[in-house]
Amino acid sequence: MKRLVVPKFETEAEEAQWWYDNRDAVDKNFVEAIKNGTIHRGGPAALLRETRMVQVRLPNTDLDRIEKLAGEKGFTSIQGCISALLHDALDREDAKKAKKRKSA
């Protein structure tokens, strides 16, 4: 297993490029860690999550806003930015539900 030392990054784009450049070593390390049972931070289940391709029609004005935001945040693609936005929105919805359950 190749020991990777993740440096500190000044921008998300710089970080994304580092992960892209080191993707083969990272993949090999993850697979080996899963086989050895030594994976940490999220565990094997987080690595085995399946993904599916979806298509969504969005208004051009929303896509323009997303492209601008992606550039500001250093994303290399609008898909990554959309995924991050959706993930954040889902987390907020889960937090709202949990708060309602506590107050009930």
PDB file of N, CA and C in Angstrom:
ATOM      1  N   MET A   1       0.851  -1.173   0.000  1.00  0.00           N
ATOM      2  CA  MET A   1       0.000   0.000   0.000  1.00  0.00           C
ATOM      3  C   MET A   1       0.896   1.235   0.000  1.00  0.00           C
ATOM      4  N   LYS A   2       0.608   2.146  -0.939  1.00  0.00           N
ATOM      5  CA  LYS A   2       1.351   3.394  -1.033  1.00  0.00           C
ATOM      6  C   LYS A   2       0.804   4.369   0.008  1.00  0.00           C
ATOM      7  N   ARG A   3       1.671   4.838   0.890  1.00  0.00           N
ATOM      8  CA  ARG A   3       1.253   5.773   1.940  1.00  0.00           C
ATOM      9  C   ARG A   3       1.106   7.160   1.330  1.00  0.00           C
ATOM     10  N   LEU A   4      -0.117   7.686   1.346  1.00  0.00           N
ATOM     11  CA  LEU A   4      -0.377   9.015   0.812  1.00  0.00           C
ATOM     12  C   LEU A   4      -0.481  10.021   1.942  1.00  0.00           C
ATOM     13  N   VAL A   5       0.166  11.145   1.774  1.00  0.00           N
ATOM     14  CA  VAL A   5       0.052  12.239   2.728  1.00  0.00           C
ATOM     15  C   VAL A   5      -0.707  13.348   2.021  1.00  0.00           C
ATOM     16  N   VAL A   6      -1.892  13.633   2.527  1.00  0.00           N
ATOM     17  CA  VAL A   6      -2.738  14.643   1.899  1.00  0.00           C
ATOM     18  C   VAL A   6      -2.282  16.017   2.385  1.00  0.00           C
ATOM     19  N   PRO A   7      -1.838  16.861   1.458  1.00  0.00           N
ATOM     20  CA  PRO A   7      -1.374  18.199   1.866  1.00  0.00           C
ATOM     21  C   PRO A   7      -2.540  19.133   2.168  1.00  0.00           C
ATOM     22  N   LYS A   8      -2.229  20.303   2.694  1.00  0.00           N
ATOM     23  CA  LYS A   8      -3.245  21.331   2.883  1.00  0.00           C
ATOM     24  C   LYS A   8      -3.379  22.079   1.555  1.00  0.00           C
ATOM     25  N   PHE A   9      -4.610  22.444   1.220  1.00  0.00           N
ATOM     26  CA  PHE A   9      -4.877  23.070  -0.068  1.00  0.00           C
ATOM     27  C   PHE A   9      -5.384  24.488   0.131  1.00  0.00           C
ATOM     28  N   GLU A  10      -5.062  25.344  -0.832  1.00  0.00           N
ATOM     29  CA  GLU A  10      -5.532  26.728  -0.773  1.00  0.00           C
ATOM     30  C   GLU A  10      -6.920  26.880  -1.390  1.00  0.00           C
ATOM     31  N   THR A  11      -7.258  26.003  -2.351  1.00  0.00           N
ATOM     32  CA  THR A  11      -8.561  26.095  -3.009  1.00  0.00           C
ATOM     33  C   THR A  11      -9.150  24.699  -3.183  1.00  0.00           C
ATOM     34  N   GLU A  12     -10.466  24.650  -3.375  1.00  0.00           N
ATOM     35  CA  GLU A  12     -11.115  23.376  -3.655  1.00  0.00           C
ATOM     36  C   GLU A  12     -10.653  22.816  -4.992  1.00  0.00           C
ATOM     37  N   ALA A  13     -10.366  23.698  -5.946  1.00  0.00           N
ATOM     38  CA  ALA A  13      -9.894  23.241  -7.257  1.00  0.00           C
ATOM     39  C   ALA A  13      -8.536  22.556  -7.126  1.00  0.00           C
ATOM     40  N   GLU A  14      -7.659  23.122  -6.311  1.00  0.00           N
ATOM     41  CA  GLU A  14      -6.346  22.517  -6.070  1.00  0.00           C
ATOM     42  C   GLU A  14      -6.501  21.150  -5.403  1.00  0.00           C
ATOM     43  N   GLU A  15      -7.413  21.058  -4.440  1.00  0.00           N
ATOM     44  CA  GLU A  15      -7.659  19.788  -3.766  1.00  0.00           C
ATOM     45  C   GLU A  15      -8.235  18.759  -4.740  1.00  0.00           C
ATOM     46  N   ALA A  16      -9.200  19.201  -5.548  1.00  0.00           N
ATOM     47  CA  ALA A  16      -9.800  18.293  -6.522  1.00  0.00           C
ATOM     48  C   ALA A  16      -8.749  17.752  -7.477  1.00  0.00           C
ATOM     49  N   GLN A  17      -7.828  18.605  -7.912  1.00  0.00           N
ATOM     50  CA  GLN A  17      -6.776  18.168  -8.829  1.00  0.00           C
ATOM     51  C   GLN A  17      -5.858  17.154  -8.161  1.00  0.00           C
ATOM     52  N   TRP A  18      -5.525  17.369  -6.883  1.00  0.00           N
ATOM     53  CA  TRP A  18      -4.652  16.428  -6.170  1.00  0.00           C
ATOM     54  C   TRP A  18      -5.315  15.055  -6.080  1.00  0.00           C
ATOM     55  N   TRP A  19      -6.608  15.036  -5.701  1.00  0.00           N
ATOM     56  CA  TRP A  19      -7.314  13.763  -5.604  1.00  0.00           C
ATOM     57  C   TRP A  19      -7.407  13.093  -6.966  1.00  0.00           C
ATOM     58  N   TYR A  20      -7.613  13.875  -8.017  1.00  0.00           N
ATOM     59  CA  TYR A  20      -7.676  13.313  -9.361  1.00  0.00           C
ATOM     60  C   TYR A  20      -6.317  12.720  -9.753  1.00  0.00           C
ATOM     61  N   ASP A  21      -5.255  13.456  -9.504  1.00  0.00           N
ATOM     62  CA  ASP A  21      -3.906  12.988  -9.857  1.00  0.00           C
ATOM     63  C   ASP A  21      -3.516  11.723  -9.097  1.00  0.00           C
ATOM     64  N   ASN A  22      -4.048  11.550  -7.895  1.00  0.00           N
ATOM     65  CA  ASN A  22      -3.686  10.411  -7.051  1.00  0.00           C
ATOM     66  C   ASN A  22      -4.785   9.356  -6.973  1.00  0.00           C
ATOM     67  N   ARG A  23      -5.750   9.401  -7.878  1.00  0.00           N
ATOM     68  CA  ARG A  23      -6.921   8.531  -7.798  1.00  0.00           C
ATOM     69  C   ARG A  23      -6.573   7.049  -7.852  1.00  0.00           C
ATOM     70  N   ASP A  24      -5.587   6.665  -8.642  1.00  0.00           N
ATOM     71  CA  ASP A  24      -5.244   5.236  -8.740  1.00  0.00           C
ATOM     72  C   ASP A  24      -4.715   4.716  -7.403  1.00  0.00           C
ATOM     73  N   ALA A  25      -3.814   5.462  -6.781  1.00  0.00           N
ATOM     74  CA  ALA A  25      -3.265   5.041  -5.492  1.00  0.00           C
ATOM     75  C   ALA A  25      -4.349   5.034  -4.414  1.00  0.00           C
ATOM     76  N   VAL A  26      -5.230   6.033  -4.438  1.00  0.00           N
ATOM     77  CA  VAL A  26      -6.319   6.097  -3.462  1.00  0.00           C
ATOM     78  C   VAL A  26      -7.246   4.895  -3.630  1.00  0.00           C
ATOM     79  N   ASP A  27      -7.607   4.586  -4.874  1.00  0.00           N
ATOM     80  CA  ASP A  27      -8.472   3.429  -5.136  1.00  0.00           C
ATOM     81  C   ASP A  27      -7.839   2.138  -4.622  1.00  0.00           C
ATOM     82  N   LYS A  28      -6.579   1.938  -4.922  1.00  0.00           N
ATOM     83  CA  LYS A  28      -5.892   0.723  -4.476  1.00  0.00           C
ATOM     84  C   LYS A  28      -5.851   0.646  -2.951  1.00  0.00           C
ATOM     85  N   ASN A  29      -5.575   1.770  -2.314  1.00  0.00           N
ATOM     86  CA  ASN A  29      -5.531   1.798  -0.846  1.00  0.00           C
ATOM     87  C   ASN A  29      -6.893   1.471  -0.247  1.00  0.00           C
ATOM     88  N   PHE A  30      -7.967   2.025  -0.825  1.00  0.00           N
ATOM     89  CA  PHE A  30      -9.308   1.739  -0.318  1.00  0.00           C
ATOM     90  C   PHE A  30      -9.653   0.261  -0.454  1.00  0.00           C
ATOM     91  N   VAL A  31      -9.389  -0.291  -1.624  1.00  0.00           N
ATOM     92  CA  VAL A  31      -9.702  -1.706  -1.845  1.00  0.00           C
ATOM     93  C   VAL A  31      -8.920  -2.580  -0.876  1.00  0.00           C
ATOM     94  N   GLU A  32      -7.640  -2.285  -0.711  1.00  0.00           N
ATOM     95  CA  GLU A  32      -6.816  -3.069   0.210  1.00  0.00           C
ATOM     96  C   GLU A  32      -7.301  -2.923   1.651  1.00  0.00           C
ATOM     97  N   ALA A  33      -7.662  -1.712   2.039  1.00  0.00           N
ATOM     98  CA  ALA A  33      -8.141  -1.484   3.403  1.00  0.00           C
ATOM     99  C   ALA A  33      -9.462  -2.207   3.653  1.00  0.00           C
ATOM    100  N   ILE A  34     -10.330  -2.247   2.652  1.00  0.00           N
ATOM    101  CA  ILE A  34     -11.589  -2.976   2.796  1.00  0.00           C
ATOM    102  C   ILE A  34     -11.303  -4.460   2.987  1.00  0.00           C
ATOM    103  N   LYS A  35     -10.414  -5.000   2.153  1.00  0.00           N
ATOM    104  CA  LYS A  35     -10.069  -6.426   2.252  1.00  0.00           C
ATOM    105  C   LYS A  35      -9.450  -6.760   3.606  1.00  0.00           C
ATOM    106  N   ASN A  36      -8.632  -5.845   4.128  1.00  0.00           N
ATOM    107  CA  ASN A  36      -7.948  -6.074   5.410  1.00  0.00           C
ATOM    108  C   ASN A  36      -8.800  -5.704   6.617  1.00  0.00           C
ATOM    109  N   GLY A  37      -9.924  -5.025   6.382  1.00  0.00           N
ATOM    110  CA  GLY A  37     -10.770  -4.587   7.492  1.00  0.00           C
ATOM    111  C   GLY A  37     -10.177  -3.434   8.273  1.00  0.00           C
ATOM    112  N   THR A  38      -9.321  -2.657   7.624  1.00  0.00           N
ATOM    113  CA  THR A  38      -8.657  -1.551   8.321  1.00  0.00           C
ATOM    114  C   THR A  38      -9.136  -0.177   7.885  1.00  0.00           C
ATOM    115  N   ILE A  39     -10.250  -0.140   7.175  1.00  0.00           N
ATOM    116  CA  ILE A  39     -10.760   1.144   6.692  1.00  0.00           C
ATOM    117  C   ILE A  39     -11.294   1.963   7.867  1.00  0.00           C
ATOM    118  N   HIS A  40     -11.123   3.271   7.797  1.00  0.00           N
ATOM    119  CA  HIS A  40     -11.587   4.183   8.853  1.00  0.00           C
ATOM    120  C   HIS A  40     -12.359   5.328   8.220  1.00  0.00           C
ATOM    121  N   ARG A  41     -12.965   6.168   9.059  1.00  0.00           N
ATOM    122  CA  ARG A  41     -13.726   7.344   8.632  1.00  0.00           C
ATOM    123  C   ARG A  41     -14.846   6.974   7.677  1.00  0.00           C
ATOM    124  N   GLY A  42     -15.921   6.506   8.210  1.00  0.00           N
ATOM    125  CA  GLY A  42     -17.083   6.181   7.403  1.00  0.00           C
ATOM    126  C   GLY A  42     -17.246   4.699   7.168  1.00  0.00           C
ATOM    127  N   GLY A  43     -16.180   3.958   7.265  1.00  0.00           N
ATOM    128  CA  GLY A  43     -16.241   2.511   7.126  1.00  0.00           C
ATOM    129  C   GLY A  43     -16.541   2.047   5.722  1.00  0.00           C
ATOM    130  N   PRO A  44     -16.491   0.758   5.517  1.00  0.00           N
ATOM    131  CA  PRO A  44     -16.687   0.192   4.183  1.00  0.00           C
ATOM    132  C   PRO A  44     -18.039   0.518   3.572  1.00  0.00           C
ATOM    133  N   ALA A  45     -19.069   0.636   4.381  1.00  0.00           N
ATOM    134  CA  ALA A  45     -20.400   0.908   3.832  1.00  0.00           C
ATOM    135  C   ALA A  45     -20.405   2.215   3.040  1.00  0.00           C
ATOM    136  N   ALA A  46     -19.685   3.213   3.534  1.00  0.00           N
ATOM    137  CA  ALA A  46     -19.634   4.497   2.834  1.00  0.00           C
ATOM    138  C   ALA A  46     -18.966   4.347   1.472  1.00  0.00           C
ATOM    139  N   LEU A  47     -18.018   3.438   1.367  1.00  0.00           N
ATOM    140  CA  LEU A  47     -17.311   3.246   0.108  1.00  0.00           C
ATOM    141  C   LEU A  47     -18.111   2.416  -0.883  1.00  0.00           C
ATOM    142  N   LEU A  48     -19.008   1.617  -0.378  1.00  0.00           N
ATOM    143  CA  LEU A  48     -19.749   0.714  -1.239  1.00  0.00           C
ATOM    144  C   LEU A  48     -21.083   1.272  -1.691  1.00  0.00           C
ATOM    145  N   ARG A  49     -21.385   2.515  -1.321  1.00  0.00           N
ATOM    146  CA  ARG A  49     -22.637   3.125  -1.760  1.00  0.00           C
ATOM    147  C   ARG A  49     -22.686   3.129  -3.273  1.00  0.00           C
ATOM    148  N   GLU A  50     -23.798   2.706  -3.786  1.00  0.00           N
ATOM    149  CA  GLU A  50     -23.957   2.702  -5.231  1.00  0.00           C
ATOM    150  C   GLU A  50     -24.460   4.059  -5.692  1.00  0.00           C
ATOM    151  N   THR A  51     -24.137   4.398  -6.908  1.00  0.00           N
ATOM    152  CA  THR A  51     -24.627   5.635  -7.493  1.00  0.00           C
ATOM    153  C   THR A  51     -25.398   5.297  -8.757  1.00  0.00           C
ATOM    154  N   ARG A  52     -26.279   6.205  -9.137  1.00  0.00           N
ATOM    155  CA  ARG A  52     -27.041   6.058 -10.369  1.00  0.00           C
ATOM    156  C   ARG A  52     -27.007   7.373 -11.125  1.00  0.00           C
ATOM    157  N   MET A  53     -27.038   7.275 -12.413  1.00  0.00           N
ATOM    158  CA  MET A  53     -27.099   8.458 -13.260  1.00  0.00           C
ATOM    159  C   MET A  53     -28.540   8.932 -13.308  1.00  0.00           C
ATOM    160  N   VAL A  54     -28.761  10.214 -13.159  1.00  0.00           N
ATOM    161  CA  VAL A  54     -30.095  10.797 -13.303  1.00  0.00           C
ATOM    162  C   VAL A  54     -30.004  11.998 -14.241  1.00  0.00           C
ATOM    163  N   GLN A  55     -31.100  12.289 -14.878  1.00  0.00           N
ATOM    164  CA  GLN A  55     -31.182  13.473 -15.722  1.00  0.00           C
ATOM    165  C   GLN A  55     -32.274  14.362 -15.161  1.00  0.00           C
ATOM    166  N   VAL A  56     -31.952  15.633 -15.040  1.00  0.00           N
ATOM    167  CA  VAL A  56     -32.907  16.596 -14.504  1.00  0.00           C
ATOM    168  C   VAL A  56     -32.880  17.823 -15.403  1.00  0.00           C
ATOM    169  N   ARG A  57     -34.049  18.262 -15.789  1.00  0.00           N
ATOM    170  CA  ARG A  57     -34.126  19.497 -16.564  1.00  0.00           C
ATOM    171  C   ARG A  57     -34.177  20.671 -15.592  1.00  0.00           C
ATOM    172  N   LEU A  58     -33.297  21.638 -15.827  1.00  0.00           N
ATOM    173  CA  LEU A  58     -33.244  22.829 -14.990  1.00  0.00           C
ATOM    174  C   LEU A  58     -33.344  24.070 -15.873  1.00  0.00           C
ATOM    175  N   PRO A  59     -33.967  25.098 -15.356  1.00  0.00           N
ATOM    176  CA  PRO A  59     -34.016  26.350 -16.123  1.00  0.00           C
ATOM    177  C   PRO A  59     -32.607  26.895 -16.357  1.00  0.00           C
ATOM    178  N   ASN A  60     -32.415  27.536 -17.505  1.00  0.00           N
ATOM    179  CA  ASN A  60     -31.110  28.106 -17.830  1.00  0.00           C
ATOM    180  C   ASN A  60     -30.628  29.083 -16.761  1.00  0.00           C
ATOM    181  N   THR A  61     -31.563  29.819 -16.175  1.00  0.00           N
ATOM    182  CA  THR A  61     -31.157  30.786 -15.148  1.00  0.00           C
ATOM    183  C   THR A  61     -30.561  30.069 -13.931  1.00  0.00           C
ATOM    184  N   ASP A  62     -31.138  28.923 -13.563  1.00  0.00           N
ATOM    185  CA  ASP A  62     -30.580  28.160 -12.437  1.00  0.00           C
ATOM    186  C   ASP A  62     -29.211  27.595 -12.793  1.00  0.00           C
ATOM    187  N   LEU A  63     -29.078  27.093 -14.021  1.00  0.00           N
ATOM    188  CA  LEU A  63     -27.779  26.555 -14.445  1.00  0.00           C
ATOM    189  C   LEU A  63     -26.720  27.647 -14.476  1.00  0.00           C
ATOM    190  N   ASP A  64     -27.091  28.843 -14.899  1.00  0.00           N
ATOM    191  CA  ASP A  64     -26.148  29.961 -14.883  1.00  0.00           C
ATOM    192  C   ASP A  64     -25.692  30.263 -13.457  1.00  0.00           C
ATOM    193  N   ARG A  65     -26.643  30.242 -12.530  1.00  0.00           N
ATOM    194  CA  ARG A  65     -26.297  30.489 -11.115  1.00  0.00           C
ATOM    195  C   ARG A  65     -25.380  29.398 -10.576  1.00  0.00           C
ATOM    196  N   ILE A  66     -25.666  28.145 -10.950  1.00  0.00           N
ATOM    197  CA  ILE A  66     -24.842  27.024 -10.480  1.00  0.00           C
ATOM    198  C   ILE A  66     -23.436  27.122 -11.055  1.00  0.00           C
ATOM    199  N   GLU A  67     -23.325  27.456 -12.346  1.00  0.00           N
ATOM    200  CA  GLU A  67     -22.002  27.603 -12.963  1.00  0.00           C
ATOM    201  C   GLU A  67     -21.187  28.682 -12.261  1.00  0.00           C
ATOM    202  N   LYS A  68     -21.835  29.786 -11.945  1.00  0.00           N
ATOM    203  CA  LYS A  68     -21.146  30.876 -11.246  1.00  0.00           C
ATOM    204  C   LYS A  68     -20.694  30.411  -9.863  1.00  0.00           C
ATOM    205  N   LEU A  69     -21.582  29.757  -9.133  1.00  0.00           N
ATOM    206  CA  LEU A  69     -21.261  29.265  -7.799  1.00  0.00           C
ATOM    207  C   LEU A  69     -20.140  28.226  -7.851  1.00  0.00           C
ATOM    208  N   ALA A  70     -20.208  27.327  -8.834  1.00  0.00           N
ATOM    209  CA  ALA A  70     -19.175  26.297  -8.978  1.00  0.00           C
ATOM    210  C   ALA A  70     -17.806  26.944  -9.165  1.00  0.00           C
ATOM    211  N   GLY A  71     -17.755  27.978 -10.001  1.00  0.00           N
ATOM    212  CA  GLY A  71     -16.493  28.694 -10.211  1.00  0.00           C
ATOM    213  C   GLY A  71     -15.996  29.370  -8.943  1.00  0.00           C
ATOM    214  N   GLU A  72     -16.908  29.989  -8.207  1.00  0.00           N
ATOM    215  CA  GLU A  72     -16.535  30.668  -6.963  1.00  0.00           C
ATOM    216  C   GLU A  72     -16.016  29.694  -5.918  1.00  0.00           C
ATOM    217  N   LYS A  73     -16.590  28.494  -5.881  1.00  0.00           N
ATOM    218  CA  LYS A  73     -16.212  27.509  -4.864  1.00  0.00           C
ATOM    219  C   LYS A  73     -15.084  26.591  -5.321  1.00  0.00           C
ATOM    220  N   GLY A  74     -14.637  26.746  -6.573  1.00  0.00           N
ATOM    221  CA  GLY A  74     -13.513  25.956  -7.056  1.00  0.00           C
ATOM    222  C   GLY A  74     -13.855  24.559  -7.538  1.00  0.00           C
ATOM    223  N   PHE A  75     -15.134  24.302  -7.815  1.00  0.00           N
ATOM    224  CA  PHE A  75     -15.515  23.003  -8.353  1.00  0.00           C
ATOM    225  C   PHE A  75     -15.010  22.897  -9.786  1.00  0.00           C
ATOM    226  N   THR A  76     -14.632  21.693 -10.190  1.00  0.00           N
ATOM    227  CA  THR A  76     -14.164  21.491 -11.555  1.00  0.00           C
ATOM    228  C   THR A  76     -15.316  21.162 -12.499  1.00  0.00           C
ATOM    229  N   SER A  77     -16.486  20.900 -11.952  1.00  0.00           N
ATOM    230  CA  SER A  77     -17.654  20.619 -12.797  1.00  0.00           C
ATOM    231  C   SER A  77     -18.906  21.109 -12.088  1.00  0.00           C
ATOM    232  N   ILE A  78     -19.927  21.423 -12.893  1.00  0.00           N
ATOM    233  CA  ILE A  78     -21.179  21.822 -12.260  1.00  0.00           C
ATOM    234  C   ILE A  78     -21.863  20.623 -11.628  1.00  0.00           C
ATOM    235  N   GLN A  79     -21.572  19.408 -12.128  1.00  0.00           N
ATOM    236  CA  GLN A  79     -22.169  18.216 -11.533  1.00  0.00           C
ATOM    237  C   GLN A  79     -21.732  18.072 -10.082  1.00  0.00           C
ATOM    238  N   GLY A  80     -20.462  18.319  -9.796  1.00  0.00           N
ATOM    239  CA  GLY A  80     -19.964  18.241  -8.426  1.00  0.00           C
ATOM    240  C   GLY A  80     -20.630  19.276  -7.536  1.00  0.00           C
ATOM    241  N   CYS A  81     -20.813  20.461  -8.080  1.00  0.00           N
ATOM    242  CA  CYS A  81     -21.473  21.534  -7.329  1.00  0.00           C
ATOM    243  C   CYS A  81     -22.928  21.179  -7.063  1.00  0.00           C
ATOM    244  N   ILE A  82     -23.635  20.667  -8.076  1.00  0.00           N
ATOM    245  CA  ILE A  82     -25.037  20.269  -7.902  1.00  0.00           C
ATOM    246  C   ILE A  82     -25.139  19.168  -6.856  1.00  0.00           C
ATOM    247  N   SER A  83     -24.236  18.202  -6.912  1.00  0.00           N
ATOM    248  CA  SER A  83     -24.248  17.107  -5.944  1.00  0.00           C
ATOM    249  C   SER A  83     -24.050  17.635  -4.528  1.00  0.00           C
ATOM    250  N   ALA A  84     -23.103  18.553  -4.356  1.00  0.00           N
ATOM    251  CA  ALA A  84     -22.843  19.124  -3.034  1.00  0.00           C
ATOM    252  C   ALA A  84     -24.048  19.920  -2.534  1.00  0.00           C
ATOM    253  N   LEU A  85     -24.662  20.705  -3.416  1.00  0.00           N
ATOM    254  CA  LEU A  85     -25.851  21.479  -3.035  1.00  0.00           C
ATOM    255  C   LEU A  85     -26.997  20.564  -2.622  1.00  0.00           C
ATOM    256  N   LEU A  86     -27.204  19.505  -3.386  1.00  0.00           N
ATOM    257  CA  LEU A  86     -28.274  18.564  -3.071  1.00  0.00           C
ATOM    258  C   LEU A  86     -28.008  17.862  -1.741  1.00  0.00           C
ATOM    259  N   HIS A  87     -26.765  17.455  -1.524  1.00  0.00           N
ATOM    260  CA  HIS A  87     -26.403  16.794  -0.273  1.00  0.00           C
ATOM    261  C   HIS A  87     -26.661  17.717   0.921  1.00  0.00           C
ATOM    262  N   ASP A  88     -26.256  18.980   0.800  1.00  0.00           N
ATOM    263  CA  ASP A  88     -26.491  19.954   1.875  1.00  0.00           C
ATOM    264  C   ASP A  88     -27.989  20.144   2.129  1.00  0.00           C
ATOM    265  N   ALA A  89     -28.776  20.232   1.056  1.00  0.00           N
ATOM    266  CA  ALA A  89     -30.222  20.405   1.212  1.00  0.00           C
ATOM    267  C   ALA A  89     -30.848  19.197   1.902  1.00  0.00           C
ATOM    268  N   LEU A  90     -30.412  17.994   1.532  1.00  0.00           N
ATOM    269  CA  LEU A  90     -30.938  16.787   2.178  1.00  0.00           C
ATOM    270  C   LEU A  90     -30.566  16.742   3.659  1.00  0.00           C
ATOM    271  N   ASP A  91     -29.341  17.152   3.990  1.00  0.00           N
ATOM    272  CA  ASP A  91     -28.939  17.206   5.397  1.00  0.00           C
ATOM    273  C   ASP A  91     -29.802  18.192   6.185  1.00  0.00           C
ATOM    274  N   ARG A  92     -30.105  19.343   5.574  1.00  0.00           N
ATOM    275  CA  ARG A  92     -30.969  20.325   6.252  1.00  0.00           C
ATOM    276  C   ARG A  92     -32.366  19.757   6.480  1.00  0.00           C
ATOM    277  N   GLU A  93     -32.900  19.053   5.493  1.00  0.00           N
ATOM    278  CA  GLU A  93     -34.222  18.447   5.644  1.00  0.00           C
ATOM    279  C   GLU A  93     -34.222  17.394   6.754  1.00  0.00           C
ATOM    280  N   ASP A  94     -33.170  16.577   6.813  1.00  0.00           N
ATOM    281  CA  ASP A  94     -33.058  15.580   7.886  1.00  0.00           C
ATOM    282  C   ASP A  94     -32.996  16.257   9.252  1.00  0.00           C
ATOM    283  N   ALA A  95     -32.266  17.367   9.331  1.00  0.00           N
ATOM    284  CA  ALA A  95     -32.151  18.092  10.598  1.00  0.00           C
ATOM    285  C   ALA A  95     -33.505  18.666  11.024  1.00  0.00           C
ATOM    286  N   LYS A  96     -34.277  19.175  10.060  1.00  0.00           N
ATOM    287  CA  LYS A  96     -35.614  19.694  10.366  1.00  0.00           C
ATOM    288  C   LYS A  96     -36.510  18.589  10.918  1.00  0.00           C
ATOM    289  N   LYS A  97     -36.464  17.428  10.273  1.00  0.00           N
ATOM    290  CA  LYS A  97     -37.281  16.297  10.727  1.00  0.00           C
ATOM    291  C   LYS A  97     -36.883  15.871  12.130  1.00  0.00           C
ATOM    292  N   ALA A  98     -35.584  15.803  12.405  1.00  0.00           N
ATOM    293  CA  ALA A  98     -35.114  15.407  13.714  1.00  0.00           C
ATOM    294  C   ALA A  98     -35.544  16.420  14.777  1.00  0.00           C
ATOM    295  N   LYS A  99     -35.527  17.696  14.438  1.00  0.00           N
ATOM    296  CA  LYS A  99     -35.942  18.746  15.370  1.00  0.00           C
ATOM    297  C   LYS A  99     -37.439  18.626  15.673  1.00  0.00           C
ATOM    298  N   LYS A 100     -38.235  18.336  14.653  1.00  0.00           N
ATOM    299  CA  LYS A 100     -39.680  18.171  14.847  1.00  0.00           C
ATOM    300  C   LYS A 100     -39.964  16.966  15.751  1.00  0.00           C
ATOM    301  N   ARG A 101     -39.227  15.880  15.550  1.00  0.00           N
ATOM    302  CA  ARG A 101     -39.433  14.680  16.371  1.00  0.00           C
ATOM    303  C   ARG A 101     -39.081  14.966  17.834  1.00  0.00           C
ATOM    304  N   LYS A 102     -38.055  15.763  18.064  1.00  0.00           N
ATOM    305  CA  LYS A 102     -37.659  16.090  19.442  1.00  0.00           C
ATOM    306  C   LYS A 102     -38.723  16.939  20.131  1.00  0.00           C
ATOM    307  N   SER A 103     -39.307  17.873  19.360  1.00  0.00           N
ATOM    308  CA  SER A 103     -40.280  18.784  19.978  1.00  0.00           C
ATOM    309  C   SER A 103     -41.665  18.161  20.119  1.00  0.00           C
ATOM    310  N   ALA A 104     -41.882  17.048  19.458  1.00  0.00           N
ATOM    311  CA  ALA A 104     -43.204  16.399  19.532  1.00  0.00           C
ATOM    312  C   ALA A 104     -43.389  15.574  20.773  1.00  0.00           C
TER     313      ALA A 104
END
